[in-house]
mmCIF file of all heavy atoms, coordinates in Angstrom:
data_MODEL
# 
_entry.id   MODEL 
# 
loop_
_atom_site.group_PDB 
_atom_site.id 
_atom_site.type_symbol 
_atom_site.label_atom_id 
_atom_site.label_alt_id 
_atom_site.label_comp_id 
_atom_site.label_asym_id 
_atom_site.label_entity_id 
_atom_site.label_seq_id 
_atom_site.pdbx_PDB_ins_code 
_atom_site.Cartn_x 
_atom_site.Cartn_y 
_atom_site.Cartn_z 
_atom_site.occupancy 
_atom_site.B_iso_or_equiv 
_atom_site.pdbx_formal_charge 
_atom_site.auth_seq_id 
_atom_site.auth_comp_id 
_atom_site.auth_asym_id 
_atom_site.auth_atom_id 
_atom_site.pdbx_PDB_model_num 
ATOM 1   N N   . ILE A 1 1  ? 173.701 -68.167 82.716 1.00 0.00 ? 1  ILE A N   1 
ATOM 2   C CA  . ILE A 1 1  ? 174.919 -67.903 83.475 1.00 0.00 ? 1  ILE A CA  1 
ATOM 3   C C   . ILE A 1 1  ? 174.631 -68.102 84.951 1.00 0.00 ? 1  ILE A C   1 
ATOM 4   O O   . ILE A 1 1  ? 173.645 -67.592 85.475 1.00 0.00 ? 1  ILE A O   1 
ATOM 5   C CB  . ILE A 1 1  ? 175.435 -66.477 83.222 1.00 0.00 ? 1  ILE A CB  1 
ATOM 6   C CG1 . ILE A 1 1  ? 175.869 -66.313 81.764 1.00 0.00 ? 1  ILE A CG1 1 
ATOM 7   C CG2 . ILE A 1 1  ? 176.579 -66.141 84.165 1.00 0.00 ? 1  ILE A CG2 1 
ATOM 8   C CD1 . ILE A 1 1  ? 176.267 -64.908 81.397 1.00 0.00 ? 1  ILE A CD1 1 
ATOM 9   N N   . TYR A 1 2  ? 175.492 -68.847 85.615 1.00 0.00 ? 2  TYR A N   1 
ATOM 10  C CA  . TYR A 1 2  ? 175.448 -69.002 87.062 1.00 0.00 ? 2  TYR A CA  1 
ATOM 11  C C   . TYR A 1 2  ? 176.688 -68.360 87.646 1.00 0.00 ? 2  TYR A C   1 
ATOM 12  O O   . TYR A 1 2  ? 177.777 -68.449 87.067 1.00 0.00 ? 2  TYR A O   1 
ATOM 13  C CB  . TYR A 1 2  ? 175.428 -70.474 87.473 1.00 0.00 ? 2  TYR A CB  1 
ATOM 14  C CG  . TYR A 1 2  ? 174.216 -71.265 87.051 1.00 0.00 ? 2  TYR A CG  1 
ATOM 15  C CD1 . TYR A 1 2  ? 174.328 -72.646 86.853 1.00 0.00 ? 2  TYR A CD1 1 
ATOM 16  C CD2 . TYR A 1 2  ? 172.980 -70.677 86.870 1.00 0.00 ? 2  TYR A CD2 1 
ATOM 17  C CE1 . TYR A 1 2  ? 173.233 -73.404 86.484 1.00 0.00 ? 2  TYR A CE1 1 
ATOM 18  C CE2 . TYR A 1 2  ? 171.879 -71.425 86.492 1.00 0.00 ? 2  TYR A CE2 1 
ATOM 19  C CZ  . TYR A 1 2  ? 172.008 -72.792 86.303 1.00 0.00 ? 2  TYR A CZ  1 
ATOM 20  O OH  . TYR A 1 2  ? 170.915 -73.544 85.926 1.00 0.00 ? 2  TYR A OH  1 
ATOM 21  N N   . ASP A 1 3  ? 176.549 -67.740 88.790 1.00 0.00 ? 3  ASP A N   1 
ATOM 22  C CA  . ASP A 1 3  ? 177.715 -67.288 89.530 1.00 0.00 ? 3  ASP A CA  1 
ATOM 23  C C   . ASP A 1 3  ? 177.467 -67.431 91.021 1.00 0.00 ? 3  ASP A C   1 
ATOM 24  O O   . ASP A 1 3  ? 176.330 -67.484 91.480 1.00 0.00 ? 3  ASP A O   1 
ATOM 25  C CB  . ASP A 1 3  ? 178.137 -65.865 89.153 1.00 0.00 ? 3  ASP A CB  1 
ATOM 26  C CG  . ASP A 1 3  ? 177.010 -64.853 89.211 1.00 0.00 ? 3  ASP A CG  1 
ATOM 27  O OD1 . ASP A 1 3  ? 176.072 -65.028 90.015 1.00 0.00 ? 3  ASP A OD1 1 
ATOM 28  O OD2 . ASP A 1 3  ? 177.068 -63.866 88.457 1.00 0.00 ? 3  ASP A OD2 1 
ATOM 29  N N   . SER A 1 4  ? 178.547 -67.522 91.757 1.00 0.00 ? 4  SER A N   1 
ATOM 30  C CA  . SER A 1 4  ? 178.449 -67.740 93.185 1.00 0.00 ? 4  SER A CA  1 
ATOM 31  C C   . SER A 1 4  ? 178.137 -66.438 93.907 1.00 0.00 ? 4  SER A C   1 
ATOM 32  O O   . SER A 1 4  ? 178.424 -65.340 93.413 1.00 0.00 ? 4  SER A O   1 
ATOM 33  C CB  . SER A 1 4  ? 179.744 -68.342 93.728 1.00 0.00 ? 4  SER A CB  1 
ATOM 34  O OG  . SER A 1 4  ? 180.801 -67.400 93.660 1.00 0.00 ? 4  SER A OG  1 
ATOM 35  N N   . ASP A 1 5  ? 177.580 -66.570 95.102 1.00 0.00 ? 5  ASP A N   1 
ATOM 36  C CA  . ASP A 1 5  ? 177.254 -65.385 95.886 1.00 0.00 ? 5  ASP A CA  1 
ATOM 37  C C   . ASP A 1 5  ? 178.494 -64.574 96.226 1.00 0.00 ? 5  ASP A C   1 
ATOM 38  O O   . ASP A 1 5  ? 178.431 -63.344 96.328 1.00 0.00 ? 5  ASP A O   1 
ATOM 39  C CB  . ASP A 1 5  ? 176.538 -65.786 97.176 1.00 0.00 ? 5  ASP A CB  1 
ATOM 40  C CG  . ASP A 1 5  ? 175.142 -66.313 96.934 1.00 0.00 ? 5  ASP A CG  1 
ATOM 41  O OD1 . ASP A 1 5  ? 174.574 -66.032 95.860 1.00 0.00 ? 5  ASP A OD1 1 
ATOM 42  O OD2 . ASP A 1 5  ? 174.612 -67.005 97.827 1.00 0.00 ? 5  ASP A OD2 1 
ATOM 43  N N   . SER A 1 6  ? 179.626 -65.237 96.384 1.00 0.00 ? 6  SER A N   1 
ATOM 44  C CA  . SER A 1 6  ? 180.836 -64.551 96.789 1.00 0.00 ? 6  SER A CA  1 
ATOM 45  C C   . SER A 1 6  ? 181.400 -63.633 95.706 1.00 0.00 ? 6  SER A C   1 
ATOM 46  O O   . SER A 1 6  ? 182.161 -62.714 96.020 1.00 0.00 ? 6  SER A O   1 
ATOM 47  C CB  . SER A 1 6  ? 181.907 -65.555 97.218 1.00 0.00 ? 6  SER A CB  1 
ATOM 48  O OG  . SER A 1 6  ? 182.287 -66.392 96.142 1.00 0.00 ? 6  SER A OG  1 
ATOM 49  N N   . VAL A 1 7  ? 181.035 -63.863 94.445 1.00 0.00 ? 7  VAL A N   1 
ATOM 50  C CA  . VAL A 1 7  ? 181.569 -63.043 93.361 1.00 0.00 ? 7  VAL A CA  1 
ATOM 51  C C   . VAL A 1 7  ? 180.487 -62.279 92.613 1.00 0.00 ? 7  VAL A C   1 
ATOM 52  O O   . VAL A 1 7  ? 180.805 -61.481 91.719 1.00 0.00 ? 7  VAL A O   1 
ATOM 53  C CB  . VAL A 1 7  ? 182.381 -63.886 92.356 1.00 0.00 ? 7  VAL A CB  1 
ATOM 54  C CG1 . VAL A 1 7  ? 183.461 -64.673 93.082 1.00 0.00 ? 7  VAL A CG1 1 
ATOM 55  C CG2 . VAL A 1 7  ? 181.475 -64.812 91.548 1.00 0.00 ? 7  VAL A CG2 1 
ATOM 56  N N   . LYS A 1 8  ? 179.249 -62.500 92.953 1.00 0.00 ? 8  LYS A N   1 
ATOM 57  C CA  . LYS A 1 8  ? 178.141 -61.865 92.258 1.00 0.00 ? 8  LYS A CA  1 
ATOM 58  C C   . LYS A 1 8  ? 178.283 -60.346 92.284 1.00 0.00 ? 8  LYS A C   1 
ATOM 59  O O   . LYS A 1 8  ? 178.525 -59.746 93.318 1.00 0.00 ? 8  LYS A O   1 
ATOM 60  C CB  . LYS A 1 8  ? 176.818 -62.276 92.891 1.00 0.00 ? 8  LYS A CB  1 
ATOM 61  C CG  . LYS A 1 8  ? 175.590 -61.793 92.121 1.00 0.00 ? 8  LYS A CG  1 
ATOM 62  C CD  . LYS A 1 8  ? 174.308 -62.299 92.769 1.00 0.00 ? 8  LYS A CD  1 
ATOM 63  C CE  . LYS A 1 8  ? 173.080 -61.834 92.011 1.00 0.00 ? 8  LYS A CE  1 
ATOM 64  N NZ  . LYS A 1 8  ? 173.062 -62.392 90.623 1.00 0.00 ? 8  LYS A NZ  1 
ATOM 65  N N   . GLY A 1 9  ? 178.130 -59.751 91.110 1.00 0.00 ? 9  GLY A N   1 
ATOM 66  C CA  . GLY A 1 9  ? 178.255 -58.313 90.984 1.00 0.00 ? 9  GLY A CA  1 
ATOM 67  C C   . GLY A 1 9  ? 179.668 -57.836 90.759 1.00 0.00 ? 9  GLY A C   1 
ATOM 68  O O   . GLY A 1 9  ? 179.873 -56.653 90.452 1.00 0.00 ? 9  GLY A O   1 
ATOM 69  N N   . ARG A 1 10 ? 180.644 -58.718 90.898 1.00 0.00 ? 10 ARG A N   1 
ATOM 70  C CA  . ARG A 1 10 ? 182.044 -58.357 90.713 1.00 0.00 ? 10 ARG A CA  1 
ATOM 71  C C   . ARG A 1 10 ? 182.697 -59.095 89.545 1.00 0.00 ? 10 ARG A C   1 
ATOM 72  O O   . ARG A 1 10 ? 183.529 -58.522 88.847 1.00 0.00 ? 10 ARG A O   1 
ATOM 73  C CB  . ARG A 1 10 ? 182.849 -58.631 91.983 1.00 0.00 ? 10 ARG A CB  1 
ATOM 74  C CG  . ARG A 1 10 ? 182.361 -57.847 93.198 1.00 0.00 ? 10 ARG A CG  1 
ATOM 75  C CD  . ARG A 1 10 ? 183.316 -57.998 94.377 1.00 0.00 ? 10 ARG A CD  1 
ATOM 76  N NE  . ARG A 1 10 ? 183.422 -59.392 94.820 1.00 0.00 ? 10 ARG A NE  1 
ATOM 77  C CZ  . ARG A 1 10 ? 184.557 -60.095 94.823 1.00 0.00 ? 10 ARG A CZ  1 
ATOM 78  N NH1 . ARG A 1 10 ? 185.691 -59.536 94.420 1.00 0.00 ? 10 ARG A NH1 1 
ATOM 79  N NH2 . ARG A 1 10 ? 184.569 -61.349 95.249 1.00 0.00 ? 10 ARG A NH2 1 
ATOM 80  N N   . PHE A 1 11 ? 182.343 -60.356 89.357 1.00 0.00 ? 11 PHE A N   1 
ATOM 81  C CA  . PHE A 1 11 ? 182.932 -61.180 88.301 1.00 0.00 ? 11 PHE A CA  1 
ATOM 82  C C   . PHE A 1 11 ? 181.904 -61.413 87.206 1.00 0.00 ? 11 PHE A C   1 
ATOM 83  O O   . PHE A 1 11 ? 180.707 -61.572 87.478 1.00 0.00 ? 11 PHE A O   1 
ATOM 84  C CB  . PHE A 1 11 ? 183.375 -62.545 88.834 1.00 0.00 ? 11 PHE A CB  1 
ATOM 85  C CG  . PHE A 1 11 ? 184.529 -62.527 89.795 1.00 0.00 ? 11 PHE A CG  1 
ATOM 86  C CD1 . PHE A 1 11 ? 185.053 -61.343 90.295 1.00 0.00 ? 11 PHE A CD1 1 
ATOM 87  C CD2 . PHE A 1 11 ? 185.101 -63.724 90.196 1.00 0.00 ? 11 PHE A CD2 1 
ATOM 88  C CE1 . PHE A 1 11 ? 186.115 -61.342 91.183 1.00 0.00 ? 11 PHE A CE1 1 
ATOM 89  C CE2 . PHE A 1 11 ? 186.166 -63.741 91.079 1.00 0.00 ? 11 PHE A CE2 1 
ATOM 90  C CZ  . PHE A 1 11 ? 186.675 -62.552 91.575 1.00 0.00 ? 11 PHE A CZ  1 
ATOM 91  N N   . THR A 1 12 ? 182.378 -61.482 85.972 1.00 0.00 ? 12 THR A N   1 
ATOM 92  C CA  . THR A 1 12 ? 181.517 -61.752 84.834 1.00 0.00 ? 12 THR A CA  1 
ATOM 93  C C   . THR A 1 12 ? 182.148 -62.814 83.949 1.00 0.00 ? 12 THR A C   1 
ATOM 94  O O   . THR A 1 12 ? 183.293 -62.669 83.520 1.00 0.00 ? 12 THR A O   1 
ATOM 95  C CB  . THR A 1 12 ? 181.276 -60.483 84.001 1.00 0.00 ? 12 THR A CB  1 
ATOM 96  O OG1 . THR A 1 12 ? 180.698 -59.466 84.817 1.00 0.00 ? 12 THR A OG1 1 
ATOM 97  C CG2 . THR A 1 12 ? 180.329 -60.783 82.840 1.00 0.00 ? 12 THR A CG2 1 
ATOM 98  N N   . ILE A 1 13 ? 181.400 -63.867 83.669 1.00 0.00 ? 13 ILE A N   1 
ATOM 99  C CA  . ILE A 1 13 ? 181.856 -64.910 82.767 1.00 0.00 ? 13 ILE A CA  1 
ATOM 100 C C   . ILE A 1 13 ? 181.278 -64.658 81.378 1.00 0.00 ? 13 ILE A C   1 
ATOM 101 O O   . ILE A 1 13 ? 180.137 -64.205 81.240 1.00 0.00 ? 13 ILE A O   1 
ATOM 102 C CB  . ILE A 1 13 ? 181.473 -66.310 83.285 1.00 0.00 ? 13 ILE A CB  1 
ATOM 103 C CG1 . ILE A 1 13 ? 182.144 -67.402 82.450 1.00 0.00 ? 13 ILE A CG1 1 
ATOM 104 C CG2 . ILE A 1 13 ? 179.964 -66.491 83.331 1.00 0.00 ? 13 ILE A CG2 1 
ATOM 105 C CD1 . ILE A 1 13 ? 181.978 -68.806 83.030 1.00 0.00 ? 13 ILE A CD1 1 
ATOM 106 N N   . SER A 1 14 ? 182.061 -64.936 80.357 1.00 0.00 ? 14 SER A N   1 
ATOM 107 C CA  . SER A 1 14 ? 181.601 -64.809 78.987 1.00 0.00 ? 14 SER A CA  1 
ATOM 108 C C   . SER A 1 14 ? 182.366 -65.798 78.120 1.00 0.00 ? 14 SER A C   1 
ATOM 109 O O   . SER A 1 14 ? 183.368 -66.356 78.544 1.00 0.00 ? 14 SER A O   1 
ATOM 110 C CB  . SER A 1 14 ? 181.777 -63.375 78.467 1.00 0.00 ? 14 SER A CB  1 
ATOM 111 O OG  . SER A 1 14 ? 183.146 -63.005 78.459 1.00 0.00 ? 14 SER A OG  1 
ATOM 112 N N   . ARG A 1 15 ? 181.888 -66.016 76.908 1.00 0.00 ? 15 ARG A N   1 
ATOM 113 C CA  . ARG A 1 15 ? 182.594 -66.904 75.999 1.00 0.00 ? 15 ARG A CA  1 
ATOM 114 C C   . ARG A 1 15 ? 182.492 -66.390 74.577 1.00 0.00 ? 15 ARG A C   1 
ATOM 115 O O   . ARG A 1 15 ? 181.515 -65.733 74.199 1.00 0.00 ? 15 ARG A O   1 
ATOM 116 C CB  . ARG A 1 15 ? 182.072 -68.347 76.100 1.00 0.00 ? 15 ARG A CB  1 
ATOM 117 C CG  . ARG A 1 15 ? 180.640 -68.546 75.639 1.00 0.00 ? 15 ARG A CG  1 
ATOM 118 C CD  . ARG A 1 15 ? 180.131 -69.941 76.009 1.00 0.00 ? 15 ARG A CD  1 
ATOM 119 N NE  . ARG A 1 15 ? 180.784 -71.000 75.259 1.00 0.00 ? 15 ARG A NE  1 
ATOM 120 C CZ  . ARG A 1 15 ? 180.670 -72.299 75.536 1.00 0.00 ? 15 ARG A CZ  1 
ATOM 121 N NH1 . ARG A 1 15 ? 179.933 -72.679 76.592 1.00 0.00 ? 15 ARG A NH1 1 
ATOM 122 N NH2 . ARG A 1 15 ? 181.285 -73.201 74.798 1.00 0.00 ? 15 ARG A NH2 1 
ATOM 123 N N   . ASP A 1 16 ? 183.512 -66.689 73.807 1.00 0.00 ? 16 ASP A N   1 
ATOM 124 C CA  . ASP A 1 16 ? 183.566 -66.346 72.400 1.00 0.00 ? 16 ASP A CA  1 
ATOM 125 C C   . ASP A 1 16 ? 183.762 -67.658 71.654 1.00 0.00 ? 16 ASP A C   1 
ATOM 126 O O   . ASP A 1 16 ? 184.873 -68.186 71.588 1.00 0.00 ? 16 ASP A O   1 
ATOM 127 C CB  . ASP A 1 16 ? 184.707 -65.373 72.124 1.00 0.00 ? 16 ASP A CB  1 
ATOM 128 C CG  . ASP A 1 16 ? 184.729 -64.892 70.689 1.00 0.00 ? 16 ASP A CG  1 
ATOM 129 O OD1 . ASP A 1 16 ? 184.167 -65.569 69.805 1.00 0.00 ? 16 ASP A OD1 1 
ATOM 130 O OD2 . ASP A 1 16 ? 185.319 -63.819 70.438 1.00 0.00 ? 16 ASP A OD2 1 
ATOM 131 N N   . ASN A 1 17 ? 182.686 -68.187 71.114 1.00 0.00 ? 17 ASN A N   1 
ATOM 132 C CA  . ASN A 1 17 ? 182.754 -69.495 70.470 1.00 0.00 ? 17 ASN A CA  1 
ATOM 133 C C   . ASN A 1 17 ? 183.608 -69.472 69.204 1.00 0.00 ? 17 ASN A C   1 
ATOM 134 O O   . ASN A 1 17 ? 184.215 -70.482 68.852 1.00 0.00 ? 17 ASN A O   1 
ATOM 135 C CB  . ASN A 1 17 ? 181.348 -69.993 70.153 1.00 0.00 ? 17 ASN A CB  1 
ATOM 136 C CG  . ASN A 1 17 ? 180.565 -70.350 71.394 1.00 0.00 ? 17 ASN A CG  1 
ATOM 137 O OD1 . ASN A 1 17 ? 181.135 -70.559 72.466 1.00 0.00 ? 17 ASN A OD1 1 
ATOM 138 N ND2 . ASN A 1 17 ? 179.246 -70.421 71.276 1.00 0.00 ? 17 ASN A ND2 1 
ATOM 139 N N   . ALA A 1 18 ? 183.653 -68.343 68.525 1.00 0.00 ? 18 ALA A N   1 
ATOM 140 C CA  . ALA A 1 18 ? 184.485 -68.233 67.331 1.00 0.00 ? 18 ALA A CA  1 
ATOM 141 C C   . ALA A 1 18 ? 185.962 -68.385 67.668 1.00 0.00 ? 18 ALA A C   1 
ATOM 142 O O   . ALA A 1 18 ? 186.747 -68.846 66.840 1.00 0.00 ? 18 ALA A O   1 
ATOM 143 C CB  . ALA A 1 18 ? 184.238 -66.903 66.628 1.00 0.00 ? 18 ALA A CB  1 
ATOM 144 N N   . LYS A 1 19 ? 186.344 -67.990 68.875 1.00 0.00 ? 19 LYS A N   1 
ATOM 145 C CA  . LYS A 1 19 ? 187.729 -68.096 69.320 1.00 0.00 ? 19 LYS A CA  1 
ATOM 146 C C   . LYS A 1 19 ? 187.962 -69.279 70.252 1.00 0.00 ? 19 LYS A C   1 
ATOM 147 O O   . LYS A 1 19 ? 189.082 -69.461 70.735 1.00 0.00 ? 19 LYS A O   1 
ATOM 148 C CB  . LYS A 1 19 ? 188.156 -66.809 70.022 1.00 0.00 ? 19 LYS A CB  1 
ATOM 149 C CG  . LYS A 1 19 ? 188.155 -65.577 69.135 1.00 0.00 ? 19 LYS A CG  1 
ATOM 150 C CD  . LYS A 1 19 ? 188.622 -64.348 69.892 1.00 0.00 ? 19 LYS A CD  1 
ATOM 151 C CE  . LYS A 1 19 ? 188.660 -63.128 68.998 1.00 0.00 ? 19 LYS A CE  1 
ATOM 152 N NZ  . LYS A 1 19 ? 189.108 -61.920 69.726 1.00 0.00 ? 19 LYS A NZ  1 
ATOM 153 N N   . ASN A 1 20 ? 186.927 -70.050 70.511 1.00 0.00 ? 20 ASN A N   1 
ATOM 154 C CA  . ASN A 1 20 ? 187.024 -71.183 71.437 1.00 0.00 ? 20 ASN A CA  1 
ATOM 155 C C   . ASN A 1 20 ? 187.628 -70.757 72.770 1.00 0.00 ? 20 ASN A C   1 
ATOM 156 O O   . ASN A 1 20 ? 188.525 -71.409 73.313 1.00 0.00 ? 20 ASN A O   1 
ATOM 157 C CB  . ASN A 1 20 ? 187.848 -72.320 70.829 1.00 0.00 ? 20 ASN A CB  1 
ATOM 158 C CG  . ASN A 1 20 ? 187.087 -73.099 69.779 1.00 0.00 ? 20 ASN A CG  1 
ATOM 159 O OD1 . ASN A 1 20 ? 185.960 -72.773 69.431 1.00 0.00 ? 20 ASN A OD1 1 
ATOM 160 N ND2 . ASN A 1 20 ? 187.716 -74.147 69.260 1.00 0.00 ? 20 ASN A ND2 1 
ATOM 161 N N   . THR A 1 21 ? 187.120 -69.663 73.305 1.00 0.00 ? 21 THR A N   1 
ATOM 162 C CA  . THR A 1 21 ? 187.689 -69.079 74.507 1.00 0.00 ? 21 THR A CA  1 
ATOM 163 C C   . THR A 1 21 ? 186.591 -68.651 75.471 1.00 0.00 ? 21 THR A C   1 
ATOM 164 O O   . THR A 1 21 ? 185.575 -68.101 75.046 1.00 0.00 ? 21 THR A O   1 
ATOM 165 C CB  . THR A 1 21 ? 188.570 -67.872 74.167 1.00 0.00 ? 21 THR A CB  1 
ATOM 166 O OG1 . THR A 1 21 ? 189.628 -68.285 73.296 1.00 0.00 ? 21 THR A OG1 1 
ATOM 167 C CG2 . THR A 1 21 ? 189.183 -67.268 75.421 1.00 0.00 ? 21 THR A CG2 1 
ATOM 168 N N   . VAL A 1 22 ? 186.814 -68.902 76.747 1.00 0.00 ? 22 VAL A N   1 
ATOM 169 C CA  . VAL A 1 22 ? 185.940 -68.423 77.800 1.00 0.00 ? 22 VAL A CA  1 
ATOM 170 C C   . VAL A 1 22 ? 186.736 -67.460 78.673 1.00 0.00 ? 22 VAL A C   1 
ATOM 171 O O   . VAL A 1 22 ? 187.942 -67.643 78.874 1.00 0.00 ? 22 VAL A O   1 
ATOM 172 C CB  . VAL A 1 22 ? 185.350 -69.588 78.623 1.00 0.00 ? 22 VAL A CB  1 
ATOM 173 C CG1 . VAL A 1 22 ? 186.443 -70.381 79.331 1.00 0.00 ? 22 VAL A CG1 1 
ATOM 174 C CG2 . VAL A 1 22 ? 184.320 -69.075 79.626 1.00 0.00 ? 22 VAL A CG2 1 
ATOM 175 N N   . TYR A 1 23 ? 186.063 -66.436 79.184 1.00 0.00 ? 23 TYR A N   1 
ATOM 176 C CA  . TYR A 1 23 ? 186.720 -65.394 79.951 1.00 0.00 ? 23 TYR A CA  1 
ATOM 177 C C   . TYR A 1 23 ? 186.087 -65.264 81.329 1.00 0.00 ? 23 TYR A C   1 
ATOM 178 O O   . TYR A 1 23 ? 184.919 -65.591 81.539 1.00 0.00 ? 23 TYR A O   1 
ATOM 179 C CB  . TYR A 1 23 ? 186.601 -64.040 79.248 1.00 0.00 ? 23 TYR A CB  1 
ATOM 180 C CG  . TYR A 1 23 ? 187.124 -64.032 77.840 1.00 0.00 ? 23 TYR A CG  1 
ATOM 181 C CD1 . TYR A 1 23 ? 186.268 -64.213 76.759 1.00 0.00 ? 23 TYR A CD1 1 
ATOM 182 C CD2 . TYR A 1 23 ? 188.477 -63.835 77.576 1.00 0.00 ? 23 TYR A CD2 1 
ATOM 183 C CE1 . TYR A 1 23 ? 186.737 -64.205 75.458 1.00 0.00 ? 23 TYR A CE1 1 
ATOM 184 C CE2 . TYR A 1 23 ? 188.954 -63.824 76.281 1.00 0.00 ? 23 TYR A CE2 1 
ATOM 185 C CZ  . TYR A 1 23 ? 188.089 -64.007 75.224 1.00 0.00 ? 23 TYR A CZ  1 
ATOM 186 O OH  . TYR A 1 23 ? 188.562 -63.991 73.932 1.00 0.00 ? 23 TYR A OH  1 
ATOM 187 N N   . LEU A 1 24 ? 186.869 -64.763 82.256 1.00 0.00 ? 24 LEU A N   1 
ATOM 188 C CA  . LEU A 1 24 ? 186.362 -64.363 83.557 1.00 0.00 ? 24 LEU A CA  1 
ATOM 189 C C   . LEU A 1 24 ? 186.898 -62.970 83.853 1.00 0.00 ? 24 LEU A C   1 
ATOM 190 O O   . LEU A 1 24 ? 188.088 -62.809 84.135 1.00 0.00 ? 24 LEU A O   1 
ATOM 191 C CB  . LEU A 1 24 ? 186.781 -65.343 84.656 1.00 0.00 ? 24 LEU A CB  1 
ATOM 192 C CG  . LEU A 1 24 ? 186.193 -65.065 86.037 1.00 0.00 ? 24 LEU A CG  1 
ATOM 193 C CD1 . LEU A 1 24 ? 184.680 -65.321 86.041 1.00 0.00 ? 24 LEU A CD1 1 
ATOM 194 C CD2 . LEU A 1 24 ? 186.872 -65.912 87.106 1.00 0.00 ? 24 LEU A CD2 1 
# 
């Protein structure tokens, strides 16, 4: 997982491959 300095610690990316969905 990569995230930018501006959102680090506040935003989280994840994905559910069974649902073909990515979240923020």
